[in-house]
Amino acid sequence: MMKYLYIESDKERGVEATFKWLSDELQELKEALNNENKTALEKEFADVLAWLASLANITDVDLEKAALEKYNHKCPKCQQAPCTCKFIKIKTNASAQHL
């Protein structure tokens, strides 16, 4: 859908500017995560997904295929579903490392 709607304008904008938009949307998502407005949070998740898809489209990456190949109904690290990997906290509660 994103390709159908936006591929021409995405190509014209280019990779660097599209990545900048994605980065801006990630910042907006971070801000929405700190609030208790679920509607705003849903919109920000949708925006991040849309800009990620746009970036994939202009770099000729099939995002769905890439995700399914890496996460084919199991964790790519432990090969289990659900994941049985352990996470350790690093520096802040928000940071974790996948072991």
PDB file of N, CA and C in Angstrom:
ATOM      1  N   MET A   1       0.822  -1.186   0.000  1.00  0.00           N
ATOM      2  CA  MET A   1       0.000   0.000   0.000  1.00  0.00           C
ATOM      3  C   MET A   1       0.873   1.260   0.000  1.00  0.00           C
ATOM      4  N   MET A   2       1.917   1.267   0.822  1.00  0.00           N
ATOM      5  CA  MET A   2       2.775   2.456   0.893  1.00  0.00           C
ATOM      6  C   MET A   2       3.453   2.698  -0.456  1.00  0.00           C
ATOM      7  N   LYS A   3       3.842   1.621  -1.109  1.00  0.00           N
ATOM      8  CA  LYS A   3       4.482   1.760  -2.419  1.00  0.00           C
ATOM      9  C   LYS A   3       3.499   2.371  -3.408  1.00  0.00           C
ATOM     10  N   TYR A   4       2.289   1.871  -3.425  1.00  0.00           N
ATOM     11  CA  TYR A   4       1.257   2.367  -4.324  1.00  0.00           C
ATOM     12  C   TYR A   4       0.985   3.852  -4.069  1.00  0.00           C
ATOM     13  N   LEU A   5       0.883   4.225  -2.811  1.00  0.00           N
ATOM     14  CA  LEU A   5       0.538   5.599  -2.468  1.00  0.00           C
ATOM     15  C   LEU A   5       1.689   6.592  -2.675  1.00  0.00           C
ATOM     16  N   TYR A   6       2.906   6.180  -2.354  1.00  0.00           N
ATOM     17  CA  TYR A   6       3.975   7.169  -2.212  1.00  0.00           C
ATOM     18  C   TYR A   6       5.273   6.916  -2.971  1.00  0.00           C
ATOM     19  N   ILE A   7       5.373   5.873  -3.766  1.00  0.00           N
ATOM     20  CA  ILE A   7       6.680   5.525  -4.340  1.00  0.00           C
ATOM     21  C   ILE A   7       7.313   6.663  -5.132  1.00  0.00           C
ATOM     22  N   GLU A   8       6.535   7.385  -5.917  1.00  0.00           N
ATOM     23  CA  GLU A   8       7.128   8.452  -6.723  1.00  0.00           C
ATOM     24  C   GLU A   8       7.682   9.577  -5.855  1.00  0.00           C
ATOM     25  N   SER A   9       6.920  10.035  -4.883  1.00  0.00           N
ATOM     26  CA  SER A   9       7.420  11.099  -4.010  1.00  0.00           C
ATOM     27  C   SER A   9       8.557  10.594  -3.122  1.00  0.00           C
ATOM     28  N   ASP A  10       8.505   9.323  -2.722  1.00  0.00           N
ATOM     29  CA  ASP A  10       9.588   8.757  -1.919  1.00  0.00           C
ATOM     30  C   ASP A  10      10.884   8.707  -2.723  1.00  0.00           C
ATOM     31  N   LYS A  11      10.801   8.282  -3.977  1.00  0.00           N
ATOM     32  CA  LYS A  11      12.000   8.243  -4.832  1.00  0.00           C
ATOM     33  C   LYS A  11      12.575   9.634  -5.016  1.00  0.00           C
ATOM     34  N   GLU A  12      11.693  10.595  -5.238  1.00  0.00           N
ATOM     35  CA  GLU A  12      12.127  11.972  -5.437  1.00  0.00           C
ATOM     36  C   GLU A  12      12.815  12.523  -4.183  1.00  0.00           C
ATOM     37  N   ARG A  13      12.292  12.188  -3.020  1.00  0.00           N
ATOM     38  CA  ARG A  13      12.858  12.651  -1.747  1.00  0.00           C
ATOM     39  C   ARG A  13      14.221  12.024  -1.511  1.00  0.00           C
ATOM     40  N   GLY A  14      14.369  10.742  -1.826  1.00  0.00           N
ATOM     41  CA  GLY A  14      15.644  10.060  -1.661  1.00  0.00           C
ATOM     42  C   GLY A  14      15.826   9.395  -0.309  1.00  0.00           C
ATOM     43  N   VAL A  15      16.854   8.599  -0.233  1.00  0.00           N
ATOM     44  CA  VAL A  15      17.122   7.784   0.953  1.00  0.00           C
ATOM     45  C   VAL A  15      17.441   8.646   2.174  1.00  0.00           C
ATOM     46  N   GLU A  16      18.347   9.592   2.027  1.00  0.00           N
ATOM     47  CA  GLU A  16      18.785  10.375   3.190  1.00  0.00           C
ATOM     48  C   GLU A  16      17.626  11.160   3.810  1.00  0.00           C
ATOM     49  N   ALA A  17      16.841  11.844   2.998  1.00  0.00           N
ATOM     50  CA  ALA A  17      15.724  12.632   3.529  1.00  0.00           C
ATOM     51  C   ALA A  17      14.625  11.725   4.099  1.00  0.00           C
ATOM     52  N   THR A  18      14.415  10.573   3.478  1.00  0.00           N
ATOM     53  CA  THR A  18      13.411   9.638   3.988  1.00  0.00           C
ATOM     54  C   THR A  18      13.855   9.074   5.327  1.00  0.00           C
ATOM     55  N   PHE A  19      15.141   8.773   5.448  1.00  0.00           N
ATOM     56  CA  PHE A  19      15.667   8.307   6.724  1.00  0.00           C
ATOM     57  C   PHE A  19      15.496   9.385   7.801  1.00  0.00           C
ATOM     58  N   LYS A  20      15.692  10.634   7.445  1.00  0.00           N
ATOM     59  CA  LYS A  20      15.502  11.740   8.389  1.00  0.00           C
ATOM     60  C   LYS A  20      14.050  11.783   8.859  1.00  0.00           C
ATOM     61  N   TRP A  21      13.094  11.613   7.943  1.00  0.00           N
ATOM     62  CA  TRP A  21      11.679  11.589   8.331  1.00  0.00           C
ATOM     63  C   TRP A  21      11.410  10.430   9.282  1.00  0.00           C
ATOM     64  N   LEU A  22      11.982   9.254   8.989  1.00  0.00           N
ATOM     65  CA  LEU A  22      11.813   8.097   9.867  1.00  0.00           C
ATOM     66  C   LEU A  22      12.371   8.411  11.251  1.00  0.00           C
ATOM     67  N   SER A  23      13.533   9.022  11.296  1.00  0.00           N
ATOM     68  CA  SER A  23      14.142   9.390  12.583  1.00  0.00           C
ATOM     69  C   SER A  23      13.257  10.357  13.361  1.00  0.00           C
ATOM     70  N   ASP A  24      12.691  11.332  12.658  1.00  0.00           N
ATOM     71  CA  ASP A  24      11.778  12.284  13.311  1.00  0.00           C
ATOM     72  C   ASP A  24      10.555  11.573  13.863  1.00  0.00           C
ATOM     73  N   GLU A  25      10.018  10.628  13.094  1.00  0.00           N
ATOM     74  CA  GLU A  25       8.834   9.889  13.548  1.00  0.00           C
ATOM     75  C   GLU A  25       9.166   9.004  14.748  1.00  0.00           C
ATOM     76  N   LEU A  26      10.365   8.446  14.778  1.00  0.00           N
ATOM     77  CA  LEU A  26      10.782   7.665  15.952  1.00  0.00           C
ATOM     78  C   LEU A  26      10.839   8.545  17.193  1.00  0.00           C
ATOM     79  N   GLN A  27      11.300   9.774  17.038  1.00  0.00           N
ATOM     80  CA  GLN A  27      11.331  10.705  18.163  1.00  0.00           C
ATOM     81  C   GLN A  27       9.912  11.012  18.639  1.00  0.00           C
ATOM     82  N   GLU A  28       8.993  11.209  17.692  1.00  0.00           N
ATOM     83  CA  GLU A  28       7.598  11.460  18.061  1.00  0.00           C
ATOM     84  C   GLU A  28       6.989  10.245  18.761  1.00  0.00           C
ATOM     85  N   LEU A  29       7.367   9.043  18.324  1.00  0.00           N
ATOM     86  CA  LEU A  29       6.898   7.829  18.989  1.00  0.00           C
ATOM     87  C   LEU A  29       7.426   7.776  20.415  1.00  0.00           C
ATOM     88  N   LYS A  30       8.679   8.126  20.588  1.00  0.00           N
ATOM     89  CA  LYS A  30       9.268   8.146  21.932  1.00  0.00           C
ATOM     90  C   LYS A  30       8.486   9.087  22.844  1.00  0.00           C
ATOM     91  N   GLU A  31       8.144  10.250  22.327  1.00  0.00           N
ATOM     92  CA  GLU A  31       7.369  11.211  23.116  1.00  0.00           C
ATOM     93  C   GLU A  31       5.978  10.660  23.433  1.00  0.00           C
ATOM     94  N   ALA A  32       5.353  10.005  22.468  1.00  0.00           N
ATOM     95  CA  ALA A  32       4.012   9.442  22.679  1.00  0.00           C
ATOM     96  C   ALA A  32       4.048   8.316  23.707  1.00  0.00           C
ATOM     97  N   LEU A  33       5.142   7.589  23.767  1.00  0.00           N
ATOM     98  CA  LEU A  33       5.273   6.509  24.748  1.00  0.00           C
ATOM     99  C   LEU A  33       5.264   7.049  26.176  1.00  0.00           C
ATOM    100  N   ASN A  34       5.649   8.293  26.331  1.00  0.00           N
ATOM    101  CA  ASN A  34       5.689   8.906  27.668  1.00  0.00           C
ATOM    102  C   ASN A  34       4.336   9.464  28.100  1.00  0.00           C
ATOM    103  N   ASN A  35       3.362   9.442  27.216  1.00  0.00           N
ATOM    104  CA  ASN A  35       2.025   9.940  27.529  1.00  0.00           C
ATOM    105  C   ASN A  35       1.065   8.764  27.667  1.00  0.00           C
ATOM    106  N   GLU A  36      -0.132   9.053  28.095  1.00  0.00           N
ATOM    107  CA  GLU A  36      -1.126   7.996  28.254  1.00  0.00           C
ATOM    108  C   GLU A  36      -2.242   8.121  27.224  1.00  0.00           C
ATOM    109  N   ASN A  37      -1.931   8.700  26.070  1.00  0.00           N
ATOM    110  CA  ASN A  37      -2.911   8.886  25.007  1.00  0.00           C
ATOM    111  C   ASN A  37      -2.742   7.772  23.980  1.00  0.00           C
ATOM    112  N   LYS A  38      -3.571   6.748  24.077  1.00  0.00           N
ATOM    113  CA  LYS A  38      -3.435   5.589  23.202  1.00  0.00           C
ATOM    114  C   LYS A  38      -3.657   5.940  21.734  1.00  0.00           C
ATOM    115  N   THR A  39      -4.573   6.849  21.460  1.00  0.00           N
ATOM    116  CA  THR A  39      -4.830   7.246  20.076  1.00  0.00           C
ATOM    117  C   THR A  39      -3.585   7.878  19.460  1.00  0.00           C
ATOM    118  N   ALA A  40      -2.937   8.762  20.186  1.00  0.00           N
ATOM    119  CA  ALA A  40      -1.703   9.390  19.704  1.00  0.00           C
ATOM    120  C   ALA A  40      -0.610   8.340  19.516  1.00  0.00           C
ATOM    121  N   LEU A  41      -0.530   7.405  20.429  1.00  0.00           N
ATOM    122  CA  LEU A  41       0.463   6.340  20.340  1.00  0.00           C
ATOM    123  C   LEU A  41       0.234   5.482  19.093  1.00  0.00           C
ATOM    124  N   GLU A  42      -1.007   5.129  18.831  1.00  0.00           N
ATOM    125  CA  GLU A  42      -1.325   4.344  17.637  1.00  0.00           C
ATOM    126  C   GLU A  42      -0.941   5.085  16.360  1.00  0.00           C
ATOM    127  N   LYS A  43      -1.199   6.387  16.327  1.00  0.00           N
ATOM    128  CA  LYS A  43      -0.849   7.186  15.150  1.00  0.00           C
ATOM    129  C   LYS A  43       0.659   7.234  14.946  1.00  0.00           C
ATOM    130  N   GLU A  44       1.404   7.353  16.024  1.00  0.00           N
ATOM    131  CA  GLU A  44       2.865   7.407  15.900  1.00  0.00           C
ATOM    132  C   GLU A  44       3.439   6.055  15.463  1.00  0.00           C
ATOM    133  N   PHE A  45       2.886   4.961  15.979  1.00  0.00           N
ATOM    134  CA  PHE A  45       3.319   3.644  15.496  1.00  0.00           C
ATOM    135  C   PHE A  45       3.049   3.518  13.999  1.00  0.00           C
ATOM    136  N   ALA A  46       1.889   3.964  13.558  1.00  0.00           N
ATOM    137  CA  ALA A  46       1.541   3.901  12.132  1.00  0.00           C
ATOM    138  C   ALA A  46       2.495   4.751  11.305  1.00  0.00           C
ATOM    139  N   ASP A  47       2.844   5.932  11.796  1.00  0.00           N
ATOM    140  CA  ASP A  47       3.779   6.795  11.067  1.00  0.00           C
ATOM    141  C   ASP A  47       5.154   6.151  10.938  1.00  0.00           C
ATOM    142  N   VAL A  48       5.644   5.559  12.025  1.00  0.00           N
ATOM    143  CA  VAL A  48       6.956   4.894  11.976  1.00  0.00           C
ATOM    144  C   VAL A  48       6.927   3.753  10.957  1.00  0.00           C
ATOM    145  N   LEU A  49       5.873   2.965  11.004  1.00  0.00           N
ATOM    146  CA  LEU A  49       5.743   1.855  10.059  1.00  0.00           C
ATOM    147  C   LEU A  49       5.701   2.366   8.620  1.00  0.00           C
ATOM    148  N   ALA A  50       4.961   3.446   8.386  1.00  0.00           N
ATOM    149  CA  ALA A  50       4.842   4.002   7.039  1.00  0.00           C
ATOM    150  C   ALA A  50       6.194   4.490   6.518  1.00  0.00           C
ATOM    151  N   TRP A  51       6.936   5.217   7.336  1.00  0.00           N
ATOM    152  CA  TRP A  51       8.229   5.724   6.884  1.00  0.00           C
ATOM    153  C   TRP A  51       9.260   4.614   6.740  1.00  0.00           C
ATOM    154  N   LEU A  52       9.181   3.588   7.570  1.00  0.00           N
ATOM    155  CA  LEU A  52      10.058   2.435   7.412  1.00  0.00           C
ATOM    156  C   LEU A  52       9.766   1.735   6.089  1.00  0.00           C
ATOM    157  N   ALA A  53       8.484   1.580   5.772  1.00  0.00           N
ATOM    158  CA  ALA A  53       8.088   0.961   4.502  1.00  0.00           C
ATOM    159  C   ALA A  53       8.548   1.813   3.326  1.00  0.00           C
ATOM    160  N   SER A  54       8.428   3.121   3.438  1.00  0.00           N
ATOM    161  CA  SER A  54       8.884   4.009   2.365  1.00  0.00           C
ATOM    162  C   SER A  54      10.381   3.857   2.129  1.00  0.00           C
ATOM    163  N   LEU A  55      11.142   3.796   3.200  1.00  0.00           N
ATOM    164  CA  LEU A  55      12.590   3.618   3.076  1.00  0.00           C
ATOM    165  C   LEU A  55      12.914   2.271   2.440  1.00  0.00           C
ATOM    166  N   ALA A  56      12.208   1.236   2.845  1.00  0.00           N
ATOM    167  CA  ALA A  56      12.420  -0.087   2.242  1.00  0.00           C
ATOM    168  C   ALA A  56      12.081  -0.049   0.752  1.00  0.00           C
ATOM    169  N   ASN A  57      10.988   0.595   0.402  1.00  0.00           N
ATOM    170  CA  ASN A  57      10.579   0.657  -0.998  1.00  0.00           C
ATOM    171  C   ASN A  57      11.612   1.333  -1.886  1.00  0.00           C
ATOM    172  N   ILE A  58      12.155   2.457  -1.441  1.00  0.00           N
ATOM    173  CA  ILE A  58      13.101   3.166  -2.312  1.00  0.00           C
ATOM    174  C   ILE A  58      14.486   2.530  -2.321  1.00  0.00           C
ATOM    175  N   THR A  59      14.735   1.599  -1.406  1.00  0.00           N
ATOM    176  CA  THR A  59      15.998   0.846  -1.443  1.00  0.00           C
ATOM    177  C   THR A  59      15.778  -0.551  -2.015  1.00  0.00           C
ATOM    178  N   ASP A  60      14.594  -0.768  -2.573  1.00  0.00           N
ATOM    179  CA  ASP A  60      14.221  -2.022  -3.227  1.00  0.00           C
ATOM    180  C   ASP A  60      14.320  -3.226  -2.285  1.00  0.00           C
ATOM    181  N   VAL A  61      13.874  -3.021  -1.047  1.00  0.00           N
ATOM    182  CA  VAL A  61      13.816  -4.105  -0.064  1.00  0.00           C
ATOM    183  C   VAL A  61      12.350  -4.449   0.162  1.00  0.00           C
ATOM    184  N   ASP A  62      12.028  -5.726   0.033  1.00  0.00           N
ATOM    185  CA  ASP A  62      10.680  -6.198   0.341  1.00  0.00           C
ATOM    186  C   ASP A  62      10.632  -6.400   1.848  1.00  0.00           C
ATOM    187  N   LEU A  63      10.052  -5.440   2.539  1.00  0.00           N
ATOM    188  CA  LEU A  63      10.054  -5.432   4.000  1.00  0.00           C
ATOM    189  C   LEU A  63       9.373  -6.659   4.580  1.00  0.00           C
ATOM    190  N   GLU A  64       8.245  -7.038   4.013  1.00  0.00           N
ATOM    191  CA  GLU A  64       7.529  -8.218   4.511  1.00  0.00           C
ATOM    192  C   GLU A  64       8.386  -9.474   4.340  1.00  0.00           C
ATOM    193  N   LYS A  65       8.984  -9.628   3.183  1.00  0.00           N
ATOM    194  CA  LYS A  65       9.833 -10.793   2.912  1.00  0.00           C
ATOM    195  C   LYS A  65      11.029 -10.819   3.860  1.00  0.00           C
ATOM    196  N   ALA A  66      11.663  -9.671   4.039  1.00  0.00           N
ATOM    197  CA  ALA A  66      12.833  -9.595   4.916  1.00  0.00           C
ATOM    198  C   ALA A  66      12.468  -9.971   6.356  1.00  0.00           C
ATOM    199  N   ALA A  67      11.331  -9.466   6.832  1.00  0.00           N
ATOM    200  CA  ALA A  67      10.901  -9.768   8.200  1.00  0.00           C
ATOM    201  C   ALA A  67      10.570 -11.246   8.358  1.00  0.00           C
ATOM    202  N   LEU A  68       9.875 -11.798   7.370  1.00  0.00           N
ATOM    203  CA  LEU A  68       9.513 -13.212   7.461  1.00  0.00           C
ATOM    204  C   LEU A  68      10.728 -14.126   7.348  1.00  0.00           C
ATOM    205  N   GLU A  69      11.707 -13.744   6.548  1.00  0.00           N
ATOM    206  CA  GLU A  69      12.920 -14.556   6.439  1.00  0.00           C
ATOM    207  C   GLU A  69      13.714 -14.538   7.742  1.00  0.00           C
ATOM    208  N   LYS A  70      13.773 -13.397   8.390  1.00  0.00           N
ATOM    209  CA  LYS A  70      14.556 -13.311   9.630  1.00  0.00           C
ATOM    210  C   LYS A  70      13.796 -13.854  10.832  1.00  0.00           C
ATOM    211  N   TYR A  71      12.507 -13.578  10.908  1.00  0.00           N
ATOM    212  CA  TYR A  71      11.706 -13.949  12.072  1.00  0.00           C
ATOM    213  C   TYR A  71      10.630 -14.960  11.687  1.00  0.00           C
ATOM    214  N   ASN A  72      10.994 -16.023  11.024  1.00  0.00           N
ATOM    215  CA  ASN A  72      10.053 -17.007  10.497  1.00  0.00           C
ATOM    216  C   ASN A  72       9.407 -17.824  11.619  1.00  0.00           C
ATOM    217  N   HIS A  73       8.508 -17.177  12.340  1.00  0.00           N
ATOM    218  CA  HIS A  73       7.749 -17.809  13.432  1.00  0.00           C
ATOM    219  C   HIS A  73       8.623 -18.281  14.579  1.00  0.00           C
ATOM    220  N   LYS A  74       9.837 -17.712  14.675  1.00  0.00           N
ATOM    221  CA  LYS A  74      10.719 -18.049  15.793  1.00  0.00           C
ATOM    222  C   LYS A  74      11.771 -16.964  15.950  1.00  0.00           C
ATOM    223  N   CYS A  75      12.359 -16.930  17.107  1.00  0.00           N
ATOM    224  CA  CYS A  75      13.431 -15.979  17.393  1.00  0.00           C
ATOM    225  C   CYS A  75      14.669 -16.357  16.567  1.00  0.00           C
ATOM    226  N   PRO A  76      15.281 -15.398  15.869  1.00  0.00           N
ATOM    227  CA  PRO A  76      16.462 -15.735  15.078  1.00  0.00           C
ATOM    228  C   PRO A  76      17.689 -16.087  15.920  1.00  0.00           C
ATOM    229  N   LYS A  77      17.683 -15.709  17.199  1.00  0.00           N
ATOM    230  CA  LYS A  77      18.825 -16.020  18.074  1.00  0.00           C
ATOM    231  C   LYS A  77      18.714 -17.416  18.678  1.00  0.00           C
ATOM    232  N   CYS A  78      17.610 -17.679  19.396  1.00  0.00           N
ATOM    233  CA  CYS A  78      17.474 -18.958  20.104  1.00  0.00           C
ATOM    234  C   CYS A  78      16.693 -19.996  19.298  1.00  0.00           C
ATOM    235  N   GLN A  79      16.087 -19.561  18.196  1.00  0.00           N
ATOM    236  CA  GLN A  79      15.304 -20.443  17.318  1.00  0.00           C
ATOM    237  C   GLN A  79      14.054 -21.007  18.004  1.00  0.00           C
ATOM    238  N   GLN A  80      13.571 -20.324  19.036  1.00  0.00           N
ATOM    239  CA  GLN A  80      12.399 -20.789  19.774  1.00  0.00           C
ATOM    240  C   GLN A  80      11.224 -19.822  19.591  1.00  0.00           C
ATOM    241  N   ALA A  81      10.025 -20.371  19.815  1.00  0.00           N
ATOM    242  CA  ALA A  81       8.815 -19.552  19.813  1.00  0.00           C
ATOM    243  C   ALA A  81       7.921 -20.020  20.950  1.00  0.00           C
ATOM    244  N   PRO A  82       7.661 -19.208  21.926  1.00  0.00           N
ATOM    245  CA  PRO A  82       8.198 -17.858  22.098  1.00  0.00           C
ATOM    246  C   PRO A  82       9.684 -17.872  22.434  1.00  0.00           C
ATOM    247  N   CYS A  83      10.290 -16.726  22.288  1.00  0.00           N
ATOM    248  CA  CYS A  83      11.721 -16.562  22.536  1.00  0.00           C
ATOM    249  C   CYS A  83      12.073 -16.954  23.977  1.00  0.00           C
ATOM    250  N   THR A  84      13.188 -17.658  24.107  1.00  0.00           N
ATOM    251  CA  THR A  84      13.678 -18.042  25.432  1.00  0.00           C
ATOM    252  C   THR A  84      15.009 -17.365  25.763  1.00  0.00           C
ATOM    253  N   CYS A  85      15.411 -16.396  24.944  1.00  0.00           N
ATOM    254  CA  CYS A  85      16.654 -15.667  25.192  1.00  0.00           C
ATOM    255  C   CYS A  85      16.549 -14.885  26.493  1.00  0.00           C
ATOM    256  N   LYS A  86      17.686 -14.692  27.097  1.00  0.00           N
ATOM    257  CA  LYS A  86      17.750 -13.868  28.294  1.00  0.00           C
ATOM    258  C   LYS A  86      18.214 -12.483  27.884  1.00  0.00           C
ATOM    259  N   PHE A  87      17.669 -11.488  28.546  1.00  0.00           N
ATOM    260  CA  PHE A  87      18.064 -10.112  28.309  1.00  0.00           C
ATOM    261  C   PHE A  87      18.718  -9.590  29.570  1.00  0.00           C
ATOM    262  N   ILE A  88      19.789  -8.817  29.395  1.00  0.00           N
ATOM    263  CA  ILE A  88      20.409  -8.195  30.549  1.00  0.00           C
ATOM    264  C   ILE A  88      20.238  -6.691  30.422  1.00  0.00           C
ATOM    265  N   LYS A  89      20.058  -6.036  31.559  1.00  0.00           N
ATOM    266  CA  LYS A  89      19.894  -4.593  31.555  1.00  0.00           C
ATOM    267  C   LYS A  89      21.260  -3.936  31.528  1.00  0.00           C
ATOM    268  N   ILE A  90      21.354  -2.882  30.702  1.00  0.00           N
ATOM    269  CA  ILE A  90      22.600  -2.152  30.568  1.00  0.00           C
ATOM    270  C   ILE A  90      22.331  -0.671  30.793  1.00  0.00           C
ATOM    271  N   LYS A  91      23.013  -0.047  31.710  1.00  0.00           N
ATOM    272  CA  LYS A  91      22.974   1.386  31.992  1.00  0.00           C
ATOM    273  C   LYS A  91      21.619   1.888  32.454  1.00  0.00           C
ATOM    274  N   THR A  92      20.560   1.692  31.683  1.00  0.00           N
ATOM    275  CA  THR A  92      19.241   2.193  32.071  1.00  0.00           C
ATOM    276  C   THR A  92      18.242   1.051  31.968  1.00  0.00           C
ATOM    277  N   ASN A  93      17.104   1.246  32.580  1.00  0.00           N
ATOM    278  CA  ASN A  93      16.048   0.238  32.488  1.00  0.00           C
ATOM    279  C   ASN A  93      15.527   0.087  31.070  1.00  0.00           C
ATOM    280  N   ALA A  94      15.698   1.122  30.247  1.00  0.00           N
ATOM    281  CA  ALA A  94      15.193   1.092  28.877  1.00  0.00           C
ATOM    282  C   ALA A  94      16.126   0.332  27.943  1.00  0.00           C
ATOM    283  N   SER A  95      17.368   0.145  28.344  1.00  0.00           N
ATOM    284  CA  SER A  95      18.322  -0.540  27.483  1.00  0.00           C
ATOM    285  C   SER A  95      18.453  -1.998  27.901  1.00  0.00           C
ATOM    286  N   ALA A  96      18.479  -2.877  26.928  1.00  0.00           N
ATOM    287  CA  ALA A  96      18.679  -4.292  27.203  1.00  0.00           C
ATOM    288  C   ALA A  96      19.529  -4.885  26.088  1.00  0.00           C
ATOM    289  N   GLN A  97      20.255  -5.917  26.427  1.00  0.00           N
ATOM    290  CA  GLN A  97      21.070  -6.596  25.448  1.00  0.00           C
ATOM    291  C   GLN A  97      20.544  -8.014  25.294  1.00  0.00           C
ATOM    292  N   HIS A  98      20.382  -8.449  24.076  1.00  0.00           N
ATOM    293  CA  HIS A  98      19.884  -9.777  23.751  1.00  0.00           C
ATOM    294  C   HIS A  98      21.061 -10.739  23.833  1.00  0.00           C
ATOM    295  N   LEU A  99      20.959 -11.761  24.667  1.00  0.00           N
ATOM    296  CA  LEU A  99      22.041 -12.751  24.779  1.00  0.00           C
ATOM    297  C   LEU A  99      21.663 -14.013  24.051  1.00  0.00           C
TER     298      LEU A  99
END
